[in-house]
Amino acid sequence: DATASREPTWDRACRIQGEMFKTTQDLGGLEIQLVWYRGFAEFEASAWVSNSAALVAQMTAVGCRAGETQIEKVLQHALAETGRRKVSAVVFVGDCVEESVDRLCALAGKLGLVGLPVFVFHEGGEPVARACLSEIARLSGGAYCPFDASSAEALRDLLAAAAAFA
């Protein structure tokens, strides 16, 4: 989620996810594809990368812009990627849900059926988003974790656990 509401924590997320990636190299490595949305219907998926420097470079090139969430596109993209290659997990970091909860949950259920869990890291605590994002995690067989700007260490540890799972 690279919408404007996440701008204050985007840089911190870049650093934390870069650290997470370095940690997984000791476990045999990891490939990550950065998928993000922002602005008016901007949605991007990077090439798959296998080193932390490439991931951090991709993330730092993204600037946050005002816009609505596009979680449906993220989940659809994850489903499509499973048809092209083995994908072990989806990690979603966001703060709001401005889409149809029913459509998002239907896609989460499909992800669960193909064995692709979604690990949701929910920034803030907006109640509608919490309900929807926790249901996405449950239906996909993943996990939901709330966090805020003061829990950077906890977020780093949880992302490392999700990476180890993958």
N, C-alpha and C. Protein backbone atom coordinates (compact mmCIF):
# COMPACT_ATOMS: atom_id res chain seq x y z
N ASP A 1 0.86 -1.17 0.00
CA ASP A 1 0.00 0.00 0.00
C ASP A 1 0.90 1.23 0.00
N ALA A 2 0.99 1.90 -1.15
CA ALA A 2 1.81 3.10 -1.27
C ALA A 2 0.93 4.34 -1.41
N THR A 3 -0.23 4.31 -0.75
CA THR A 3 -1.09 5.49 -0.76
C THR A 3 -0.57 6.51 0.24
N ALA A 4 -1.06 7.72 0.14
CA ALA A 4 -0.54 8.83 0.94
C ALA A 4 -0.62 8.60 2.44
N SER A 5 -1.63 7.87 2.90
CA SER A 5 -1.77 7.64 4.34
C SER A 5 -0.62 6.81 4.91
N ARG A 6 0.09 6.11 4.07
CA ARG A 6 1.20 5.27 4.53
C ARG A 6 2.55 5.96 4.39
N GLU A 7 2.56 7.15 3.83
CA GLU A 7 3.83 7.84 3.57
C GLU A 7 4.73 7.96 4.80
N PRO A 8 4.19 8.29 5.98
CA PRO A 8 5.08 8.44 7.14
C PRO A 8 5.85 7.17 7.51
N THR A 9 5.32 6.01 7.16
CA THR A 9 6.00 4.77 7.54
C THR A 9 6.60 4.01 6.36
N TRP A 10 6.45 4.51 5.14
CA TRP A 10 6.98 3.80 3.97
C TRP A 10 8.50 3.63 4.07
N ASP A 11 9.22 4.68 4.42
CA ASP A 11 10.68 4.59 4.51
C ASP A 11 11.11 3.57 5.55
N ARG A 12 10.42 3.58 6.69
CA ARG A 12 10.73 2.61 7.74
C ARG A 12 10.48 1.20 7.21
N ALA A 13 9.39 1.01 6.48
CA ALA A 13 9.08 -0.31 5.92
C ALA A 13 10.17 -0.75 4.95
N CYS A 14 10.71 0.16 4.17
CA CYS A 14 11.80 -0.18 3.24
C CYS A 14 12.98 -0.76 4.01
N ARG A 15 13.36 -0.09 5.07
CA ARG A 15 14.50 -0.55 5.88
C ARG A 15 14.20 -1.90 6.52
N ILE A 16 13.02 -2.04 7.12
CA ILE A 16 12.67 -3.28 7.81
C ILE A 16 12.61 -4.44 6.83
N GLN A 17 12.00 -4.23 5.67
CA GLN A 17 11.89 -5.33 4.71
C GLN A 17 13.24 -5.69 4.12
N GLY A 18 14.12 -4.71 3.97
CA GLY A 18 15.48 -5.02 3.54
C GLY A 18 16.20 -5.87 4.56
N GLU A 19 16.03 -5.55 5.85
CA GLU A 19 16.64 -6.35 6.92
C GLU A 19 16.06 -7.76 6.93
N MET A 20 14.74 -7.86 6.74
CA MET A 20 14.08 -9.15 6.70
C MET A 20 14.68 -10.02 5.60
N PHE A 21 14.90 -9.42 4.45
CA PHE A 21 15.44 -10.14 3.31
C PHE A 21 16.84 -10.65 3.63
N LYS A 22 17.68 -9.80 4.25
CA LYS A 22 19.03 -10.23 4.62
C LYS A 22 18.98 -11.41 5.57
N THR A 23 18.06 -11.38 6.53
CA THR A 23 17.92 -12.47 7.50
C THR A 23 17.61 -13.78 6.80
N THR A 24 16.79 -13.76 5.78
CA THR A 24 16.40 -14.99 5.10
C THR A 24 17.53 -15.59 4.26
N GLN A 25 18.54 -14.81 3.95
CA GLN A 25 19.65 -15.36 3.16
C GLN A 25 20.33 -16.49 3.93
N ASP A 26 20.33 -16.40 5.27
CA ASP A 26 20.90 -17.46 6.09
C ASP A 26 20.04 -18.73 6.04
N LEU A 27 18.78 -18.60 5.66
CA LEU A 27 17.86 -19.74 5.59
C LEU A 27 17.84 -20.36 4.19
N GLY A 28 18.68 -19.88 3.30
CA GLY A 28 18.71 -20.45 1.96
C GLY A 28 18.22 -19.50 0.89
N GLY A 29 17.93 -18.29 1.26
CA GLY A 29 17.52 -17.29 0.28
C GLY A 29 16.02 -17.22 0.07
N LEU A 30 15.63 -16.21 -0.64
CA LEU A 30 14.22 -15.92 -0.85
C LEU A 30 14.11 -15.06 -2.10
N GLU A 31 13.08 -15.28 -2.87
CA GLU A 31 12.78 -14.39 -3.99
C GLU A 31 11.54 -13.60 -3.62
N ILE A 32 11.58 -12.31 -3.90
CA ILE A 32 10.46 -11.43 -3.57
C ILE A 32 10.09 -10.61 -4.80
N GLN A 33 8.80 -10.43 -4.97
CA GLN A 33 8.29 -9.54 -5.99
C GLN A 33 7.56 -8.41 -5.26
N LEU A 34 7.98 -7.19 -5.50
CA LEU A 34 7.32 -6.04 -4.90
C LEU A 34 6.11 -5.66 -5.74
N VAL A 35 4.96 -5.64 -5.10
CA VAL A 35 3.71 -5.25 -5.76
C VAL A 35 3.16 -4.08 -4.96
N TRP A 36 2.82 -2.99 -5.65
CA TRP A 36 2.32 -1.83 -4.92
C TRP A 36 1.28 -1.09 -5.74
N TYR A 37 0.49 -0.30 -5.03
CA TYR A 37 -0.51 0.56 -5.66
C TYR A 37 -0.50 1.91 -4.98
N ARG A 38 -0.97 2.90 -5.72
CA ARG A 38 -1.06 4.27 -5.21
C ARG A 38 -1.83 5.09 -6.22
N GLY A 39 -2.06 6.34 -5.90
CA GLY A 39 -2.62 7.30 -6.85
C GLY A 39 -3.90 6.85 -7.52
N PHE A 40 -4.11 7.32 -8.73
CA PHE A 40 -5.30 6.98 -9.49
C PHE A 40 -5.02 5.75 -10.34
N ALA A 41 -5.40 4.59 -9.80
CA ALA A 41 -5.28 3.30 -10.49
C ALA A 41 -3.85 2.92 -10.88
N GLU A 42 -2.84 3.45 -10.18
CA GLU A 42 -1.47 3.02 -10.41
C GLU A 42 -1.26 1.70 -9.69
N PHE A 43 -0.81 0.70 -10.41
CA PHE A 43 -0.56 -0.63 -9.86
C PHE A 43 0.66 -1.19 -10.56
N GLU A 44 1.64 -1.62 -9.80
CA GLU A 44 2.89 -2.13 -10.39
C GLU A 44 3.32 -3.41 -9.70
N ALA A 45 3.94 -4.27 -10.48
CA ALA A 45 4.58 -5.47 -9.96
C ALA A 45 5.99 -5.51 -10.53
N SER A 46 6.98 -5.61 -9.67
CA SER A 46 8.37 -5.62 -10.11
C SER A 46 8.75 -7.01 -10.62
N ALA A 47 9.96 -7.09 -11.13
CA ALA A 47 10.54 -8.40 -11.42
C ALA A 47 10.84 -9.06 -10.08
N TRP A 48 10.95 -10.37 -10.08
CA TRP A 48 11.34 -11.09 -8.87
C TRP A 48 12.81 -10.82 -8.60
N VAL A 49 13.15 -10.56 -7.33
CA VAL A 49 14.53 -10.28 -6.95
C VAL A 49 14.95 -11.25 -5.84
N SER A 50 16.26 -11.49 -5.76
CA SER A 50 16.76 -12.43 -4.76
C SER A 50 17.85 -11.84 -3.88
N ASN A 51 17.96 -10.51 -3.86
CA ASN A 51 18.90 -9.91 -2.91
C ASN A 51 18.30 -8.64 -2.32
N SER A 52 18.70 -8.36 -1.10
CA SER A 52 18.10 -7.26 -0.36
C SER A 52 18.37 -5.90 -0.99
N ALA A 53 19.53 -5.71 -1.59
CA ALA A 53 19.85 -4.42 -2.20
C ALA A 53 18.88 -4.10 -3.33
N ALA A 54 18.54 -5.10 -4.14
CA ALA A 54 17.60 -4.88 -5.25
C ALA A 54 16.21 -4.54 -4.72
N LEU A 55 15.79 -5.24 -3.66
CA LEU A 55 14.48 -4.96 -3.07
C LEU A 55 14.42 -3.54 -2.52
N VAL A 56 15.43 -3.17 -1.77
CA VAL A 56 15.46 -1.83 -1.18
C VAL A 56 15.50 -0.77 -2.28
N ALA A 57 16.23 -1.01 -3.35
CA ALA A 57 16.28 -0.06 -4.46
C ALA A 57 14.91 0.11 -5.09
N GLN A 58 14.19 -1.00 -5.27
CA GLN A 58 12.83 -0.92 -5.82
C GLN A 58 11.91 -0.14 -4.89
N MET A 59 11.98 -0.45 -3.60
CA MET A 59 11.08 0.20 -2.65
C MET A 59 11.36 1.69 -2.51
N THR A 60 12.63 2.06 -2.50
CA THR A 60 12.95 3.47 -2.31
C THR A 60 12.63 4.30 -3.56
N ALA A 61 12.46 3.63 -4.69
CA ALA A 61 12.07 4.35 -5.92
C ALA A 61 10.58 4.67 -5.94
N VAL A 62 9.82 4.10 -5.02
CA VAL A 62 8.38 4.32 -4.98
C VAL A 62 8.07 5.47 -4.03
N GLY A 63 7.31 6.44 -4.50
CA GLY A 63 6.83 7.52 -3.64
C GLY A 63 5.34 7.33 -3.40
N CYS A 64 4.90 7.64 -2.22
CA CYS A 64 3.48 7.49 -1.89
C CYS A 64 2.68 8.63 -2.52
N ARG A 65 1.46 8.31 -2.95
CA ARG A 65 0.54 9.29 -3.53
C ARG A 65 -0.87 9.01 -3.06
N ALA A 66 -1.65 10.06 -2.96
CA ALA A 66 -3.05 9.90 -2.56
C ALA A 66 -3.78 9.01 -3.55
N GLY A 67 -4.66 8.20 -3.05
CA GLY A 67 -5.45 7.31 -3.89
C GLY A 67 -6.16 6.28 -3.04
N GLU A 68 -7.06 5.55 -3.67
CA GLU A 68 -7.81 4.52 -2.96
C GLU A 68 -7.06 3.19 -2.99
N THR A 69 -7.44 2.31 -2.08
CA THR A 69 -6.80 1.00 -2.04
C THR A 69 -7.13 0.19 -3.29
N GLN A 70 -6.23 -0.73 -3.60
CA GLN A 70 -6.39 -1.62 -4.74
C GLN A 70 -5.99 -3.04 -4.34
N ILE A 71 -6.49 -3.45 -3.20
CA ILE A 71 -6.16 -4.77 -2.65
C ILE A 71 -6.67 -5.87 -3.57
N GLU A 72 -7.81 -5.65 -4.21
CA GLU A 72 -8.34 -6.65 -5.13
C GLU A 72 -7.33 -6.96 -6.23
N LYS A 73 -6.67 -5.93 -6.77
CA LYS A 73 -5.66 -6.15 -7.80
C LYS A 73 -4.48 -6.94 -7.25
N VAL A 74 -4.10 -6.68 -6.01
CA VAL A 74 -2.99 -7.41 -5.39
C VAL A 74 -3.34 -8.89 -5.29
N LEU A 75 -4.53 -9.20 -4.81
CA LEU A 75 -4.94 -10.59 -4.64
C LEU A 75 -5.10 -11.28 -6.00
N GLN A 76 -5.66 -10.58 -6.98
CA GLN A 76 -5.78 -11.15 -8.33
C GLN A 76 -4.39 -11.43 -8.92
N HIS A 77 -3.47 -10.51 -8.71
CA HIS A 77 -2.11 -10.69 -9.20
C HIS A 77 -1.47 -11.92 -8.55
N ALA A 78 -1.67 -12.09 -7.25
CA ALA A 78 -1.10 -13.24 -6.55
C ALA A 78 -1.65 -14.54 -7.12
N LEU A 79 -2.94 -14.57 -7.39
CA LEU A 79 -3.54 -15.77 -8.01
C LEU A 79 -2.93 -16.05 -9.38
N ALA A 80 -2.76 -15.01 -10.17
CA ALA A 80 -2.18 -15.17 -11.50
C ALA A 80 -0.74 -15.66 -11.41
N GLU A 81 0.03 -15.14 -10.47
CA GLU A 81 1.43 -15.56 -10.33
C GLU A 81 1.54 -17.03 -9.97
N THR A 82 0.58 -17.56 -9.20
CA THR A 82 0.65 -18.99 -8.84
C THR A 82 0.51 -19.87 -10.07
N GLY A 83 -0.09 -19.35 -11.13
CA GLY A 83 -0.18 -20.10 -12.39
C GLY A 83 1.11 -20.08 -13.18
N ARG A 84 2.00 -19.14 -12.86
CA ARG A 84 3.26 -19.00 -13.59
C ARG A 84 4.46 -19.63 -12.86
N ARG A 85 4.37 -19.66 -11.53
CA ARG A 85 5.51 -20.13 -10.74
C ARG A 85 5.04 -20.49 -9.34
N LYS A 86 5.89 -21.13 -8.57
CA LYS A 86 5.57 -21.47 -7.19
C LYS A 86 5.67 -20.20 -6.36
N VAL A 87 4.58 -19.84 -5.71
CA VAL A 87 4.55 -18.71 -4.78
C VAL A 87 4.17 -19.28 -3.42
N SER A 88 4.97 -19.00 -2.41
CA SER A 88 4.75 -19.60 -1.09
C SER A 88 3.90 -18.75 -0.17
N ALA A 89 3.93 -17.44 -0.33
CA ALA A 89 3.19 -16.57 0.58
C ALA A 89 3.05 -15.18 -0.01
N VAL A 90 2.04 -14.48 0.45
CA VAL A 90 1.84 -13.07 0.14
C VAL A 90 1.96 -12.32 1.46
N VAL A 91 2.73 -11.24 1.45
CA VAL A 91 2.82 -10.37 2.62
C VAL A 91 2.21 -9.04 2.20
N PHE A 92 1.16 -8.63 2.91
CA PHE A 92 0.49 -7.38 2.60
C PHE A 92 0.65 -6.43 3.79
N VAL A 93 1.09 -5.21 3.52
CA VAL A 93 1.22 -4.17 4.53
C VAL A 93 0.34 -3.01 4.09
N GLY A 94 -0.64 -2.66 4.91
CA GLY A 94 -1.55 -1.57 4.56
C GLY A 94 -2.32 -1.07 5.76
N ASP A 95 -3.09 -0.01 5.55
CA ASP A 95 -3.81 0.59 6.67
C ASP A 95 -5.31 0.73 6.46
N CYS A 96 -5.78 0.69 5.23
CA CYS A 96 -7.20 0.93 4.95
C CYS A 96 -7.74 -0.10 3.96
N VAL A 97 -9.06 -0.21 3.93
CA VAL A 97 -9.76 -1.00 2.92
C VAL A 97 -10.89 -0.12 2.40
N GLU A 98 -10.87 0.16 1.10
CA GLU A 98 -11.89 1.01 0.48
C GLU A 98 -12.59 0.29 -0.66
N GLU A 99 -12.62 -1.03 -0.58
CA GLU A 99 -13.16 -1.86 -1.64
C GLU A 99 -14.23 -2.79 -1.09
N SER A 100 -14.83 -3.56 -1.96
CA SER A 100 -15.86 -4.51 -1.56
C SER A 100 -15.25 -5.62 -0.71
N VAL A 101 -15.69 -5.72 0.52
CA VAL A 101 -15.21 -6.75 1.42
C VAL A 101 -15.55 -8.13 0.86
N ASP A 102 -16.74 -8.28 0.30
CA ASP A 102 -17.15 -9.57 -0.26
C ASP A 102 -16.21 -10.02 -1.38
N ARG A 103 -15.86 -9.12 -2.28
CA ARG A 103 -14.96 -9.49 -3.39
C ARG A 103 -13.56 -9.85 -2.86
N LEU A 104 -13.09 -9.07 -1.90
CA LEU A 104 -11.77 -9.36 -1.34
C LEU A 104 -11.76 -10.71 -0.63
N CYS A 105 -12.81 -11.00 0.11
CA CYS A 105 -12.86 -12.28 0.83
C CYS A 105 -13.02 -13.45 -0.13
N ALA A 106 -13.75 -13.26 -1.22
CA ALA A 106 -13.86 -14.33 -2.22
C ALA A 106 -12.48 -14.64 -2.81
N LEU A 107 -11.71 -13.62 -3.11
CA LEU A 107 -10.35 -13.84 -3.64
C LEU A 107 -9.45 -14.48 -2.59
N ALA A 108 -9.60 -14.07 -1.33
CA ALA A 108 -8.81 -14.68 -0.25
C ALA A 108 -9.13 -16.17 -0.14
N GLY A 109 -10.40 -16.51 -0.28
CA GLY A 109 -10.79 -17.92 -0.25
C GLY A 109 -10.16 -18.70 -1.38
N LYS A 110 -10.10 -18.11 -2.58
CA LYS A 110 -9.45 -18.77 -3.72
C LYS A 110 -7.96 -18.96 -3.44
N LEU A 111 -7.33 -17.96 -2.81
CA LEU A 111 -5.92 -18.10 -2.45
C LEU A 111 -5.74 -19.26 -1.47
N GLY A 112 -6.65 -19.36 -0.52
CA GLY A 112 -6.60 -20.48 0.42
C GLY A 112 -6.72 -21.82 -0.28
N LEU A 113 -7.58 -21.90 -1.27
CA LEU A 113 -7.77 -23.16 -2.01
C LEU A 113 -6.53 -23.58 -2.78
N VAL A 114 -5.74 -22.62 -3.25
CA VAL A 114 -4.51 -22.96 -3.98
C VAL A 114 -3.29 -23.02 -3.04
N GLY A 115 -3.52 -22.85 -1.73
CA GLY A 115 -2.44 -22.95 -0.76
C GLY A 115 -1.52 -21.77 -0.70
N LEU A 116 -2.07 -20.59 -0.95
CA LEU A 116 -1.26 -19.36 -0.92
C LEU A 116 -1.74 -18.46 0.22
N PRO A 117 -1.09 -18.55 1.40
CA PRO A 117 -1.52 -17.76 2.54
C PRO A 117 -1.15 -16.28 2.41
N VAL A 118 -2.00 -15.43 2.96
CA VAL A 118 -1.72 -13.99 3.00
C VAL A 118 -1.41 -13.61 4.44
N PHE A 119 -0.22 -13.07 4.64
CA PHE A 119 0.19 -12.55 5.94
C PHE A 119 -0.05 -11.05 5.91
N VAL A 120 -0.99 -10.60 6.71
CA VAL A 120 -1.43 -9.21 6.69
C VAL A 120 -0.81 -8.47 7.86
N PHE A 121 -0.16 -7.36 7.58
CA PHE A 121 0.38 -6.47 8.59
C PHE A 121 -0.39 -5.16 8.48
N HIS A 122 -1.27 -4.94 9.45
CA HIS A 122 -2.22 -3.84 9.42
C HIS A 122 -1.71 -2.68 10.26
N GLU A 123 -1.42 -1.60 9.60
CA GLU A 123 -0.94 -0.40 10.27
C GLU A 123 -2.13 0.42 10.76
N GLY A 124 -2.06 0.86 11.99
CA GLY A 124 -3.16 1.64 12.55
C GLY A 124 -4.14 0.72 13.25
N GLY A 125 -5.38 0.91 13.04
CA GLY A 125 -6.36 0.06 13.72
C GLY A 125 -7.76 0.35 13.25
N GLU A 126 -7.89 0.94 12.08
CA GLU A 126 -9.21 1.28 11.56
C GLU A 126 -10.09 0.03 11.60
N PRO A 127 -11.26 0.10 12.27
CA PRO A 127 -12.06 -1.11 12.53
C PRO A 127 -12.57 -1.85 11.29
N VAL A 128 -13.01 -1.15 10.26
CA VAL A 128 -13.50 -1.83 9.06
C VAL A 128 -12.34 -2.56 8.38
N ALA A 129 -11.20 -1.89 8.30
CA ALA A 129 -10.02 -2.52 7.71
C ALA A 129 -9.60 -3.72 8.53
N ARG A 130 -9.60 -3.58 9.85
CA ARG A 130 -9.21 -4.70 10.71
C ARG A 130 -10.08 -5.93 10.45
N ALA A 131 -11.39 -5.72 10.38
CA ALA A 131 -12.30 -6.84 10.16
C ALA A 131 -12.04 -7.50 8.80
N CYS A 132 -11.89 -6.70 7.77
CA CYS A 132 -11.67 -7.24 6.42
C CYS A 132 -10.31 -7.91 6.30
N LEU A 133 -9.26 -7.23 6.74
CA LEU A 133 -7.91 -7.76 6.58
C LEU A 133 -7.70 -9.03 7.41
N SER A 134 -8.29 -9.09 8.60
CA SER A 134 -8.16 -10.32 9.39
C SER A 134 -8.91 -11.47 8.73
N GLU A 135 -10.01 -11.18 8.05
CA GLU A 135 -10.76 -12.21 7.33
C GLU A 135 -9.98 -12.67 6.10
N ILE A 136 -9.31 -11.77 5.41
CA ILE A 136 -8.46 -12.15 4.27
C ILE A 136 -7.39 -13.14 4.75
N ALA A 137 -6.75 -12.81 5.86
CA ALA A 137 -5.72 -13.70 6.41
C ALA A 137 -6.32 -15.05 6.77
N ARG A 138 -7.44 -15.07 7.44
CA ARG A 138 -8.06 -16.33 7.87
C ARG A 138 -8.46 -17.20 6.68
N LEU A 139 -9.15 -16.61 5.71
CA LEU A 139 -9.63 -17.37 4.55
C LEU A 139 -8.51 -17.93 3.70
N SER A 140 -7.39 -17.24 3.66
CA SER A 140 -6.26 -17.69 2.84
C SER A 140 -5.35 -18.67 3.58
N GLY A 141 -5.57 -18.81 4.88
CA GLY A 141 -4.69 -19.67 5.67
C GLY A 141 -3.46 -18.96 6.17
N GLY A 142 -3.49 -17.64 6.16
CA GLY A 142 -2.36 -16.83 6.61
C GLY A 142 -2.52 -16.37 8.04
N ALA A 143 -2.05 -15.17 8.32
CA ALA A 143 -2.11 -14.61 9.67
C ALA A 143 -2.28 -13.10 9.57
N TYR A 144 -2.88 -12.53 10.61
CA TYR A 144 -3.14 -11.09 10.70
C TYR A 144 -2.37 -10.55 11.89
N CYS A 145 -1.71 -9.41 11.68
CA CYS A 145 -0.98 -8.78 12.77
C CYS A 145 -1.11 -7.27 12.69
N PRO A 146 -1.69 -6.65 13.71
CA PRO A 146 -1.74 -5.18 13.74
C PRO A 146 -0.37 -4.63 14.17
N PHE A 147 -0.05 -3.42 13.69
CA PHE A 147 1.15 -2.75 14.16
C PHE A 147 0.96 -1.25 14.04
N ASP A 148 1.83 -0.51 14.70
CA ASP A 148 1.81 0.94 14.56
C ASP A 148 3.24 1.44 14.44
N ALA A 149 3.37 2.74 14.31
CA ALA A 149 4.69 3.32 14.05
C ALA A 149 5.68 3.02 15.16
N SER A 150 5.20 2.74 16.37
CA SER A 150 6.11 2.48 17.49
C SER A 150 6.51 1.01 17.59
N SER A 151 6.00 0.15 16.72
CA SER A 151 6.30 -1.28 16.82
C SER A 151 7.18 -1.78 15.68
N ALA A 152 8.17 -1.00 15.31
CA ALA A 152 9.04 -1.36 14.19
C ALA A 152 9.78 -2.67 14.46
N GLU A 153 10.25 -2.87 15.69
CA GLU A 153 10.97 -4.11 16.00
C GLU A 153 10.05 -5.31 15.88
N ALA A 154 8.83 -5.18 16.39
CA ALA A 154 7.87 -6.28 16.29
C ALA A 154 7.55 -6.57 14.83
N LEU A 155 7.39 -5.54 14.02
CA LEU A 155 7.11 -5.74 12.60
C LEU A 155 8.27 -6.46 11.93
N ARG A 156 9.49 -6.06 12.25
CA ARG A 156 10.66 -6.72 11.66
C ARG A 156 10.67 -8.21 12.01
N ASP A 157 10.41 -8.53 13.27
CA ASP A 157 10.41 -9.93 13.70
C ASP A 157 9.30 -10.72 13.02
N LEU A 158 8.13 -10.12 12.89
CA LEU A 158 7.00 -10.81 12.26
C LEU A 158 7.23 -11.00 10.77
N LEU A 159 7.79 -10.00 10.11
CA LEU A 159 8.12 -10.16 8.68
C LEU A 159 9.17 -11.24 8.49
N ALA A 160 10.13 -11.31 9.39
CA ALA A 160 11.14 -12.36 9.29
C ALA A 160 10.51 -13.73 9.47
N ALA A 161 9.53 -13.85 10.37
CA ALA A 161 8.83 -15.11 10.55
C ALA A 161 8.04 -15.49 9.30
N ALA A 162 7.39 -14.52 8.68
CA ALA A 162 6.65 -14.79 7.44
C ALA A 162 7.61 -15.21 6.33
N ALA A 163 8.77 -14.57 6.27
CA ALA A 163 9.77 -14.94 5.27
C ALA A 163 10.31 -16.34 5.51
N ALA A 164 10.51 -16.69 6.78
CA ALA A 164 10.98 -18.03 7.11
C ALA A 164 9.94 -19.07 6.71
N PHE A 165 8.67 -18.75 6.89
CA PHE A 165 7.59 -19.65 6.48
C PHE A 165 7.67 -19.88 4.97
N ALA A 166 7.84 -18.80 4.22
CA ALA A 166 7.89 -18.90 2.75
C ALA A 166 9.10 -19.72 2.31
